[in-house]
Amino acid sequence: MTTALHTAPEQGEFDTRLQLSQLDRIADSRHAAAELAENYVGLPIGG
């Protein structure tokens, strides 16, 4: 999550574009957003 939301001072153009494409995927895809949320908080117990 940190690498998705923050840039490093030494980050190059390729890494910046990769980061933006990952954020675009999360913003544009309901399934990608759900996957991020599940990975962030954990999967439901017994589900």
PDB file of N, CA and C in Angstrom:
ATOM      1  N   MET A   1       0.824  -1.180   0.000  1.00  0.00           N
ATOM      2  CA  MET A   1       0.000   0.000   0.000  1.00  0.00           C
ATOM      3  C   MET A   1       0.874   1.251   0.000  1.00  0.00           C
ATOM      4  N   THR A   2       1.954   1.200   0.742  1.00  0.00           N
ATOM      5  CA  THR A   2       2.838   2.362   0.812  1.00  0.00           C
ATOM      6  C   THR A   2       3.424   2.685  -0.558  1.00  0.00           C
ATOM      7  N   THR A   3       3.877   1.671  -1.270  1.00  0.00           N
ATOM      8  CA  THR A   3       4.477   1.920  -2.583  1.00  0.00           C
ATOM      9  C   THR A   3       3.450   2.379  -3.606  1.00  0.00           C
ATOM     10  N   ALA A   4       2.185   2.062  -3.388  1.00  0.00           N
ATOM     11  CA  ALA A   4       1.137   2.512  -4.308  1.00  0.00           C
ATOM     12  C   ALA A   4       0.815   3.992  -4.108  1.00  0.00           C
ATOM     13  N   LEU A   5       0.987   4.485  -2.889  1.00  0.00           N
ATOM     14  CA  LEU A   5       0.550   5.846  -2.580  1.00  0.00           C
ATOM     15  C   LEU A   5       1.671   6.862  -2.409  1.00  0.00           C
ATOM     16  N   HIS A   6       2.904   6.405  -2.266  1.00  0.00           N
ATOM     17  CA  HIS A   6       4.016   7.320  -2.028  1.00  0.00           C
ATOM     18  C   HIS A   6       5.117   7.096  -3.059  1.00  0.00           C
ATOM     19  N   THR A   7       5.777   8.169  -3.424  1.00  0.00           N
ATOM     20  CA  THR A   7       6.903   8.067  -4.347  1.00  0.00           C
ATOM     21  C   THR A   7       8.207   8.227  -3.584  1.00  0.00           C
ATOM     22  N   ALA A   8       9.233   7.601  -4.096  1.00  0.00           N
ATOM     23  CA  ALA A   8      10.565   7.713  -3.512  1.00  0.00           C
ATOM     24  C   ALA A   8      11.341   8.785  -4.274  1.00  0.00           C
ATOM     25  N   PRO A   9      12.229   9.503  -3.601  1.00  0.00           N
ATOM     26  CA  PRO A   9      13.003  10.554  -4.288  1.00  0.00           C
ATOM     27  C   PRO A   9      13.798  10.026  -5.483  1.00  0.00           C
ATOM     28  N   GLU A  10      14.272   8.795  -5.393  1.00  0.00           N
ATOM     29  CA  GLU A  10      15.081   8.235  -6.479  1.00  0.00           C
ATOM     30  C   GLU A  10      14.252   7.497  -7.527  1.00  0.00           C
ATOM     31  N   GLN A  11      12.943   7.551  -7.409  1.00  0.00           N
ATOM     32  CA  GLN A  11      12.056   6.833  -8.324  1.00  0.00           C
ATOM     33  C   GLN A  11      12.171   7.387  -9.735  1.00  0.00           C
ATOM     34  N   GLY A  12      12.344   6.481 -10.679  1.00  0.00           N
ATOM     35  CA  GLY A  12      12.467   6.880 -12.074  1.00  0.00           C
ATOM     36  C   GLY A  12      11.120   6.976 -12.775  1.00  0.00           C
ATOM     37  N   GLU A  13      11.164   7.381 -14.025  1.00  0.00           N
ATOM     38  CA  GLU A  13       9.943   7.557 -14.809  1.00  0.00           C
ATOM     39  C   GLU A  13       9.193   6.241 -14.977  1.00  0.00           C
ATOM     40  N   PHE A  14       9.920   5.154 -15.221  1.00  0.00           N
ATOM     41  CA  PHE A  14       9.270   3.854 -15.392  1.00  0.00           C
ATOM     42  C   PHE A  14       8.483   3.475 -14.146  1.00  0.00           C
ATOM     43  N   ASP A  15       9.100   3.606 -12.977  1.00  0.00           N
ATOM     44  CA  ASP A  15       8.431   3.252 -11.726  1.00  0.00           C
ATOM     45  C   ASP A  15       7.222   4.148 -11.459  1.00  0.00           C
ATOM     46  N   THR A  16       7.337   5.418 -11.807  1.00  0.00           N
ATOM     47  CA  THR A  16       6.218   6.340 -11.626  1.00  0.00           C
ATOM     48  C   THR A  16       5.047   5.940 -12.517  1.00  0.00           C
ATOM     49  N   ARG A  17       5.334   5.595 -13.765  1.00  0.00           N
ATOM     50  CA  ARG A  17       4.262   5.190 -14.683  1.00  0.00           C
ATOM     51  C   ARG A  17       3.635   3.868 -14.258  1.00  0.00           C
ATOM     52  N   LEU A  18       4.452   2.948 -13.751  1.00  0.00           N
ATOM     53  CA  LEU A  18       3.946   1.685 -13.241  1.00  0.00           C
ATOM     54  C   LEU A  18       3.022   1.935 -12.044  1.00  0.00           C
ATOM     55  N   GLN A  19       3.440   2.785 -11.153  1.00  0.00           N
ATOM     56  CA  GLN A  19       2.641   3.136  -9.981  1.00  0.00           C
ATOM     57  C   GLN A  19       1.297   3.739 -10.402  1.00  0.00           C
ATOM     58  N   LEU A  20       1.318   4.648 -11.348  1.00  0.00           N
ATOM     59  CA  LEU A  20       0.084   5.266 -11.824  1.00  0.00           C
ATOM     60  C   LEU A  20      -0.836   4.260 -12.506  1.00  0.00           C
ATOM     61  N   SER A  21      -0.266   3.323 -13.247  1.00  0.00           N
ATOM     62  CA  SER A  21      -1.100   2.318 -13.904  1.00  0.00           C
ATOM     63  C   SER A  21      -1.754   1.400 -12.875  1.00  0.00           C
ATOM     64  N   GLN A  22      -1.053   1.102 -11.789  1.00  0.00           N
ATOM     65  CA  GLN A  22      -1.636   0.283 -10.727  1.00  0.00           C
ATOM     66  C   GLN A  22      -2.771   1.035 -10.038  1.00  0.00           C
ATOM     67  N   LEU A  23      -2.588   2.318  -9.784  1.00  0.00           N
ATOM     68  CA  LEU A  23      -3.649   3.118  -9.176  1.00  0.00           C
ATOM     69  C   LEU A  23      -4.843   3.260 -10.116  1.00  0.00           C
ATOM     70  N   ASP A  24      -4.585   3.427 -11.403  1.00  0.00           N
ATOM     71  CA  ASP A  24      -5.672   3.492 -12.388  1.00  0.00           C
ATOM     72  C   ASP A  24      -6.492   2.207 -12.386  1.00  0.00           C
ATOM     73  N   ARG A  25      -5.821   1.082 -12.291  1.00  0.00           N
ATOM     74  CA  ARG A  25      -6.515  -0.208 -12.269  1.00  0.00           C
ATOM     75  C   ARG A  25      -7.442  -0.290 -11.064  1.00  0.00           C
ATOM     76  N   ILE A  26      -6.969   0.136  -9.909  1.00  0.00           N
ATOM     77  CA  ILE A  26      -7.784   0.104  -8.699  1.00  0.00           C
ATOM     78  C   ILE A  26      -8.975   1.056  -8.832  1.00  0.00           C
ATOM     79  N   ALA A  27      -8.737   2.229  -9.393  1.00  0.00           N
ATOM     80  CA  ALA A  27      -9.800   3.224  -9.542  1.00  0.00           C
ATOM     81  C   ALA A  27     -10.836   2.816 -10.581  1.00  0.00           C
ATOM     82  N   ASP A  28     -10.422   2.102 -11.615  1.00  0.00           N
ATOM     83  CA  ASP A  28     -11.312   1.764 -12.724  1.00  0.00           C
ATOM     84  C   ASP A  28     -11.992   0.416 -12.592  1.00  0.00           C
ATOM     85  N   SER A  29     -11.527  -0.420 -11.696  1.00  0.00           N
ATOM     86  CA  SER A  29     -12.059  -1.783 -11.602  1.00  0.00           C
ATOM     87  C   SER A  29     -12.616  -2.055 -10.209  1.00  0.00           C
ATOM     88  N   ARG A  30     -13.884  -2.355 -10.160  1.00  0.00           N
ATOM     89  CA  ARG A  30     -14.511  -2.690  -8.877  1.00  0.00           C
ATOM     90  C   ARG A  30     -13.858  -3.924  -8.265  1.00  0.00           C
ATOM     91  N   HIS A  31     -13.521  -4.886  -9.103  1.00  0.00           N
ATOM     92  CA  HIS A  31     -12.888  -6.115  -8.617  1.00  0.00           C
ATOM     93  C   HIS A  31     -11.487  -5.843  -8.070  1.00  0.00           C
ATOM     94  N   ALA A  32     -10.736  -4.979  -8.740  1.00  0.00           N
ATOM     95  CA  ALA A  32      -9.401  -4.634  -8.254  1.00  0.00           C
ATOM     96  C   ALA A  32      -9.499  -3.884  -6.929  1.00  0.00           C
ATOM     97  N   ALA A  33     -10.493  -3.003  -6.792  1.00  0.00           N
ATOM     98  CA  ALA A  33     -10.677  -2.280  -5.532  1.00  0.00           C
ATOM     99  C   ALA A  33     -11.049  -3.241  -4.407  1.00  0.00           C
ATOM    100  N   ALA A  34     -11.911  -4.217  -4.706  1.00  0.00           N
ATOM    101  CA  ALA A  34     -12.290  -5.208  -3.698  1.00  0.00           C
ATOM    102  C   ALA A  34     -11.090  -6.066  -3.303  1.00  0.00           C
ATOM    103  N   GLU A  35     -10.283  -6.443  -4.277  1.00  0.00           N
ATOM    104  CA  GLU A  35      -9.082  -7.229  -3.998  1.00  0.00           C
ATOM    105  C   GLU A  35      -8.137  -6.451  -3.074  1.00  0.00           C
ATOM    106  N   LEU A  36      -7.941  -5.181  -3.360  1.00  0.00           N
ATOM    107  CA  LEU A  36      -7.081  -4.347  -2.524  1.00  0.00           C
ATOM    108  C   LEU A  36      -7.638  -4.272  -1.103  1.00  0.00           C
ATOM    109  N   ALA A  37      -8.936  -4.050  -0.979  1.00  0.00           N
ATOM    110  CA  ALA A  37      -9.555  -3.944   0.343  1.00  0.00           C
ATOM    111  C   ALA A  37      -9.417  -5.245   1.122  1.00  0.00           C
ATOM    112  N   GLU A  38      -9.649  -6.370   0.466  1.00  0.00           N
ATOM    113  CA  GLU A  38      -9.536  -7.670   1.138  1.00  0.00           C
ATOM    114  C   GLU A  38      -8.103  -7.937   1.575  1.00  0.00           C
ATOM    115  N   ASN A  39      -7.148  -7.598   0.738  1.00  0.00           N
ATOM    116  CA  ASN A  39      -5.749  -7.804   1.097  1.00  0.00           C
ATOM    117  C   ASN A  39      -5.299  -6.853   2.200  1.00  0.00           C
ATOM    118  N   TYR A  40      -5.883  -5.690   2.238  1.00  0.00           N
ATOM    119  CA  TYR A  40      -5.511  -4.672   3.233  1.00  0.00           C
ATOM    120  C   TYR A  40      -6.037  -5.040   4.629  1.00  0.00           C
ATOM    121  N   VAL A  41      -7.296  -5.440   4.695  1.00  0.00           N
ATOM    122  CA  VAL A  41      -7.904  -5.738   6.000  1.00  0.00           C
ATOM    123  C   VAL A  41      -7.926  -7.219   6.330  1.00  0.00           C
ATOM    124  N   GLY A  42      -7.681  -8.057   5.343  1.00  0.00           N
ATOM    125  CA  GLY A  42      -7.717  -9.512   5.548  1.00  0.00           C
ATOM    126  C   GLY A  42      -9.012 -10.092   5.036  1.00  0.00           C
ATOM    127  N   LEU A  43      -8.943 -11.333   4.652  1.00  0.00           N
ATOM    128  CA  LEU A  43     -10.127 -12.030   4.165  1.00  0.00           C
ATOM    129  C   LEU A  43     -11.043 -12.369   5.340  1.00  0.00           C
ATOM    130  N   PRO A  44     -12.343 -12.518   5.080  1.00  0.00           N
ATOM    131  CA  PRO A  44     -13.256 -12.854   6.165  1.00  0.00           C
ATOM    132  C   PRO A  44     -12.933 -14.226   6.758  1.00  0.00           C
ATOM    133  N   ILE A  45     -13.072 -14.360   8.048  1.00  0.00           N
ATOM    134  CA  ILE A  45     -12.839 -15.617   8.722  1.00  0.00           C
ATOM    135  C   ILE A  45     -14.019 -16.551   8.426  1.00  0.00           C
ATOM    136  N   GLY A  46     -13.692 -17.758   7.984  1.00  0.00           N
ATOM    137  CA  GLY A  46     -14.732 -18.731   7.688  1.00  0.00           C
ATOM    138  C   GLY A  46     -15.472 -18.471   6.394  1.00  0.00           C
ATOM    139  N   GLY A  47     -14.955 -17.567   5.572  1.00  0.00           N
ATOM    140  CA  GLY A  47     -15.678 -17.212   4.352  1.00  0.00           C
ATOM    141  C   GLY A  47     -15.008 -17.746   3.186  1.00  0.00           C
TER     142      GLY A  47
END
